[in-house]
Amino acid sequence: MSNFFVNDKFKVLECMEQRQIQVNDESIVKLSQQEIADILGFTKTKVNNIVRELKENGYLTQLSSRGKYILTDIANEEINKMKNEEATK
């Protein structure tokens, strides 16, 4: 993972963004918090706290209680902004 993403919230967003699947013309992240934790080397508790914050701040919408999320437009804009900033370095 790039050193640019020093904030763990951005690491979680990027992880989710990279693993989206298309379902009925919608991009869905179908990962459990444990799977995200395993991918990033975080604890499940840490991921749970980050996901809760991301939802509270409008970056994620949770479709079900079992690991189905949608990244909001705000999240996608932030990810694109970070990628563009990284590309210009």
N, C-alpha and C. Protein backbone atom coordinates (compact mmCIF):
# COMPACT_ATOMS: atom_id res chain seq x y z
N MET A 1 0.83 -1.17 0.00
CA MET A 1 0.00 0.00 0.00
C MET A 1 0.88 1.24 0.00
N SER A 2 0.44 2.22 -0.68
CA SER A 2 1.21 3.45 -0.83
C SER A 2 1.40 4.18 0.50
N ASN A 3 2.56 4.82 0.65
CA ASN A 3 2.81 5.63 1.83
C ASN A 3 1.94 6.87 1.86
N PHE A 4 1.38 7.24 0.71
CA PHE A 4 0.52 8.42 0.64
C PHE A 4 -0.67 8.28 1.58
N PHE A 5 -1.22 7.08 1.70
CA PHE A 5 -2.39 6.82 2.54
C PHE A 5 -1.95 6.54 3.97
N VAL A 6 -1.55 7.59 4.65
CA VAL A 6 -1.08 7.43 6.02
C VAL A 6 -2.24 7.31 6.99
N ASN A 7 -3.42 7.68 6.59
CA ASN A 7 -4.59 7.61 7.44
C ASN A 7 -5.27 6.26 7.24
N ASP A 8 -5.50 5.54 8.32
CA ASP A 8 -6.08 4.21 8.23
C ASP A 8 -7.48 4.22 7.62
N LYS A 9 -8.22 5.30 7.78
CA LYS A 9 -9.55 5.38 7.16
C LYS A 9 -9.44 5.33 5.64
N PHE A 10 -8.44 6.01 5.10
CA PHE A 10 -8.24 5.99 3.66
C PHE A 10 -7.80 4.61 3.19
N LYS A 11 -7.03 3.91 4.00
CA LYS A 11 -6.62 2.55 3.65
C LYS A 11 -7.83 1.63 3.56
N VAL A 12 -8.75 1.78 4.50
CA VAL A 12 -9.97 0.97 4.47
C VAL A 12 -10.81 1.33 3.24
N LEU A 13 -10.97 2.62 2.97
CA LEU A 13 -11.72 3.05 1.78
C LEU A 13 -11.10 2.50 0.50
N GLU A 14 -9.78 2.59 0.40
CA GLU A 14 -9.11 2.10 -0.81
C GLU A 14 -9.28 0.60 -0.94
N CYS A 15 -9.15 -0.13 0.15
CA CYS A 15 -9.35 -1.58 0.14
C CYS A 15 -10.73 -1.93 -0.38
N MET A 16 -11.72 -1.22 0.11
CA MET A 16 -13.10 -1.47 -0.30
C MET A 16 -13.32 -1.09 -1.76
N GLU A 17 -12.76 0.04 -2.16
CA GLU A 17 -12.93 0.52 -3.54
C GLU A 17 -12.33 -0.47 -4.54
N GLN A 18 -11.22 -1.06 -4.20
CA GLN A 18 -10.54 -1.99 -5.10
C GLN A 18 -11.26 -3.32 -5.23
N ARG A 19 -12.17 -3.61 -4.32
CA ARG A 19 -12.84 -4.91 -4.30
C ARG A 19 -14.34 -4.83 -4.55
N GLN A 20 -14.77 -3.75 -5.18
CA GLN A 20 -16.18 -3.59 -5.51
C GLN A 20 -16.57 -4.57 -6.62
N ILE A 21 -17.81 -5.04 -6.56
CA ILE A 21 -18.36 -5.87 -7.62
C ILE A 21 -19.64 -5.21 -8.13
N GLN A 22 -19.99 -5.48 -9.38
CA GLN A 22 -21.20 -4.91 -9.97
C GLN A 22 -22.38 -5.86 -9.73
N VAL A 23 -23.44 -5.34 -9.13
CA VAL A 23 -24.67 -6.09 -8.91
C VAL A 23 -25.83 -5.18 -9.28
N ASN A 24 -26.58 -5.58 -10.31
CA ASN A 24 -27.73 -4.77 -10.76
C ASN A 24 -27.35 -3.30 -10.96
N ASP A 25 -26.31 -3.06 -11.72
CA ASP A 25 -25.85 -1.71 -12.05
C ASP A 25 -25.41 -0.90 -10.84
N GLU A 26 -25.05 -1.58 -9.78
CA GLU A 26 -24.57 -0.89 -8.58
C GLU A 26 -23.25 -1.52 -8.14
N SER A 27 -22.32 -0.69 -7.71
CA SER A 27 -21.04 -1.18 -7.20
C SER A 27 -21.18 -1.47 -5.71
N ILE A 28 -20.96 -2.73 -5.36
CA ILE A 28 -21.13 -3.18 -3.98
C ILE A 28 -19.83 -3.77 -3.48
N VAL A 29 -19.52 -3.48 -2.23
CA VAL A 29 -18.37 -4.09 -1.56
C VAL A 29 -18.93 -5.20 -0.69
N LYS A 30 -18.56 -6.42 -1.02
CA LYS A 30 -19.07 -7.56 -0.26
C LYS A 30 -17.91 -8.18 0.51
N LEU A 31 -17.52 -7.50 1.57
CA LEU A 31 -16.43 -7.96 2.44
C LEU A 31 -16.87 -7.83 3.89
N SER A 32 -16.53 -8.82 4.68
CA SER A 32 -16.78 -8.68 6.12
C SER A 32 -15.69 -7.80 6.73
N GLN A 33 -15.96 -7.29 7.90
CA GLN A 33 -14.95 -6.49 8.58
C GLN A 33 -13.72 -7.33 8.89
N GLN A 34 -13.92 -8.63 9.16
CA GLN A 34 -12.78 -9.51 9.41
C GLN A 34 -11.93 -9.66 8.16
N GLU A 35 -12.57 -9.78 6.99
CA GLU A 35 -11.82 -9.88 5.74
C GLU A 35 -11.01 -8.61 5.47
N ILE A 36 -11.61 -7.46 5.72
CA ILE A 36 -10.89 -6.19 5.55
C ILE A 36 -9.71 -6.14 6.50
N ALA A 37 -9.94 -6.54 7.75
CA ALA A 37 -8.87 -6.55 8.75
C ALA A 37 -7.72 -7.46 8.31
N ASP A 38 -8.05 -8.64 7.80
CA ASP A 38 -7.02 -9.58 7.34
C ASP A 38 -6.23 -9.02 6.17
N ILE A 39 -6.90 -8.39 5.23
CA ILE A 39 -6.24 -7.81 4.06
C ILE A 39 -5.26 -6.72 4.47
N LEU A 40 -5.69 -5.87 5.41
CA LEU A 40 -4.89 -4.70 5.79
C LEU A 40 -3.96 -4.94 6.98
N GLY A 41 -4.11 -6.08 7.64
CA GLY A 41 -3.29 -6.34 8.81
C GLY A 41 -3.75 -5.56 10.04
N PHE A 42 -5.02 -5.21 10.07
CA PHE A 42 -5.63 -4.50 11.19
C PHE A 42 -6.39 -5.50 12.06
N THR A 43 -6.78 -5.09 13.26
CA THR A 43 -7.68 -5.91 14.06
C THR A 43 -9.11 -5.67 13.58
N LYS A 44 -9.98 -6.64 13.86
CA LYS A 44 -11.39 -6.48 13.49
C LYS A 44 -12.00 -5.30 14.24
N THR A 45 -11.60 -5.10 15.49
CA THR A 45 -12.11 -3.98 16.28
C THR A 45 -11.76 -2.65 15.64
N LYS A 46 -10.52 -2.54 15.15
CA LYS A 46 -10.09 -1.30 14.50
C LYS A 46 -10.92 -1.05 13.24
N VAL A 47 -11.11 -2.09 12.43
CA VAL A 47 -11.91 -1.95 11.21
C VAL A 47 -13.35 -1.60 11.57
N ASN A 48 -13.90 -2.23 12.60
CA ASN A 48 -15.26 -1.93 13.03
C ASN A 48 -15.40 -0.45 13.38
N ASN A 49 -14.45 0.08 14.11
CA ASN A 49 -14.49 1.50 14.49
C ASN A 49 -14.38 2.41 13.27
N ILE A 50 -13.48 2.05 12.34
CA ILE A 50 -13.30 2.86 11.13
C ILE A 50 -14.56 2.82 10.27
N VAL A 51 -15.13 1.63 10.08
CA VAL A 51 -16.34 1.50 9.26
C VAL A 51 -17.48 2.31 9.89
N ARG A 52 -17.62 2.25 11.19
CA ARG A 52 -18.66 3.03 11.87
C ARG A 52 -18.47 4.53 11.61
N GLU A 53 -17.22 5.00 11.72
CA GLU A 53 -16.93 6.42 11.45
C GLU A 53 -17.22 6.78 10.00
N LEU A 54 -16.83 5.91 9.08
CA LEU A 54 -17.06 6.18 7.66
C LEU A 54 -18.56 6.26 7.37
N LYS A 55 -19.35 5.39 7.99
CA LYS A 55 -20.80 5.45 7.81
C LYS A 55 -21.37 6.73 8.41
N GLU A 56 -20.92 7.08 9.62
CA GLU A 56 -21.43 8.28 10.30
C GLU A 56 -21.11 9.55 9.53
N ASN A 57 -19.99 9.54 8.79
CA ASN A 57 -19.56 10.73 8.05
C ASN A 57 -19.97 10.71 6.58
N GLY A 58 -20.80 9.75 6.20
CA GLY A 58 -21.37 9.74 4.86
C GLY A 58 -20.52 9.13 3.77
N TYR A 59 -19.49 8.37 4.13
CA TYR A 59 -18.64 7.74 3.13
C TYR A 59 -19.12 6.35 2.72
N LEU A 60 -19.87 5.69 3.59
CA LEU A 60 -20.36 4.34 3.33
C LEU A 60 -21.84 4.25 3.64
N THR A 61 -22.52 3.40 2.88
CA THR A 61 -23.87 2.98 3.19
C THR A 61 -23.82 1.47 3.37
N GLN A 62 -24.41 0.98 4.45
CA GLN A 62 -24.41 -0.46 4.70
C GLN A 62 -25.72 -1.04 4.20
N LEU A 63 -25.62 -2.06 3.34
CA LEU A 63 -26.82 -2.68 2.76
C LEU A 63 -27.40 -3.76 3.65
N SER A 64 -26.55 -4.43 4.39
CA SER A 64 -27.02 -5.49 5.28
C SER A 64 -26.09 -5.55 6.47
N SER A 65 -26.49 -6.32 7.45
CA SER A 65 -25.65 -6.43 8.65
C SER A 65 -24.48 -7.38 8.43
N ARG A 66 -24.37 -7.98 7.27
CA ARG A 66 -23.35 -8.98 7.01
C ARG A 66 -22.40 -8.61 5.88
N GLY A 67 -21.78 -7.46 5.96
CA GLY A 67 -20.69 -7.14 5.06
C GLY A 67 -21.03 -6.77 3.64
N LYS A 68 -22.06 -5.99 3.43
CA LYS A 68 -22.35 -5.46 2.10
C LYS A 68 -22.44 -3.95 2.24
N TYR A 69 -21.56 -3.27 1.51
CA TYR A 69 -21.47 -1.81 1.62
C TYR A 69 -21.48 -1.18 0.24
N ILE A 70 -21.89 0.07 0.19
CA ILE A 70 -21.77 0.89 -1.01
C ILE A 70 -20.95 2.11 -0.64
N LEU A 71 -19.93 2.40 -1.44
CA LEU A 71 -19.17 3.63 -1.26
C LEU A 71 -20.01 4.77 -1.84
N THR A 72 -20.19 5.82 -1.07
CA THR A 72 -21.00 6.95 -1.52
C THR A 72 -20.20 7.80 -2.51
N ASP A 73 -20.89 8.74 -3.13
CA ASP A 73 -20.22 9.66 -4.04
C ASP A 73 -19.11 10.42 -3.33
N ILE A 74 -19.34 10.77 -2.06
CA ILE A 74 -18.32 11.48 -1.28
C ILE A 74 -17.06 10.63 -1.18
N ALA A 75 -17.23 9.34 -0.90
CA ALA A 75 -16.08 8.44 -0.78
C ALA A 75 -15.34 8.32 -2.11
N ASN A 76 -16.09 8.14 -3.19
CA ASN A 76 -15.45 8.00 -4.50
C ASN A 76 -14.72 9.26 -4.91
N GLU A 77 -15.29 10.42 -4.60
CA GLU A 77 -14.60 11.69 -4.90
C GLU A 77 -13.31 11.80 -4.11
N GLU A 78 -13.34 11.43 -2.85
CA GLU A 78 -12.15 11.51 -2.00
C GLU A 78 -11.07 10.55 -2.49
N ILE A 79 -11.46 9.35 -2.86
CA ILE A 79 -10.50 8.36 -3.38
C ILE A 79 -9.87 8.88 -4.66
N ASN A 80 -10.69 9.39 -5.58
CA ASN A 80 -10.16 9.92 -6.84
C ASN A 80 -9.23 11.09 -6.60
N LYS A 81 -9.59 11.96 -5.66
CA LYS A 81 -8.73 13.10 -5.33
C LYS A 81 -7.37 12.62 -4.82
N MET A 82 -7.39 11.62 -3.95
CA MET A 82 -6.14 11.09 -3.41
C MET A 82 -5.29 10.45 -4.50
N LYS A 83 -5.94 9.70 -5.39
CA LYS A 83 -5.19 9.06 -6.47
C LYS A 83 -4.59 10.10 -7.41
N ASN A 84 -5.33 11.16 -7.70
CA ASN A 84 -4.81 12.23 -8.56
C ASN A 84 -3.64 12.94 -7.91
N GLU A 85 -3.74 13.21 -6.62
CA GLU A 85 -2.64 13.86 -5.91
C GLU A 85 -1.40 12.97 -5.90
N GLU A 86 -1.62 11.68 -5.72
CA GLU A 86 -0.49 10.75 -5.71
C GLU A 86 0.15 10.67 -7.10
N ALA A 87 -0.66 10.70 -8.14
CA ALA A 87 -0.14 10.60 -9.51
C ALA A 87 0.69 11.81 -9.90
N THR A 88 0.40 12.96 -9.31
CA THR A 88 1.14 14.17 -9.68
C THR A 88 2.41 14.36 -8.87
N LYS A 89 2.67 13.47 -7.93
CA LYS A 89 3.89 13.59 -7.12
C LYS A 89 5.09 13.08 -7.88
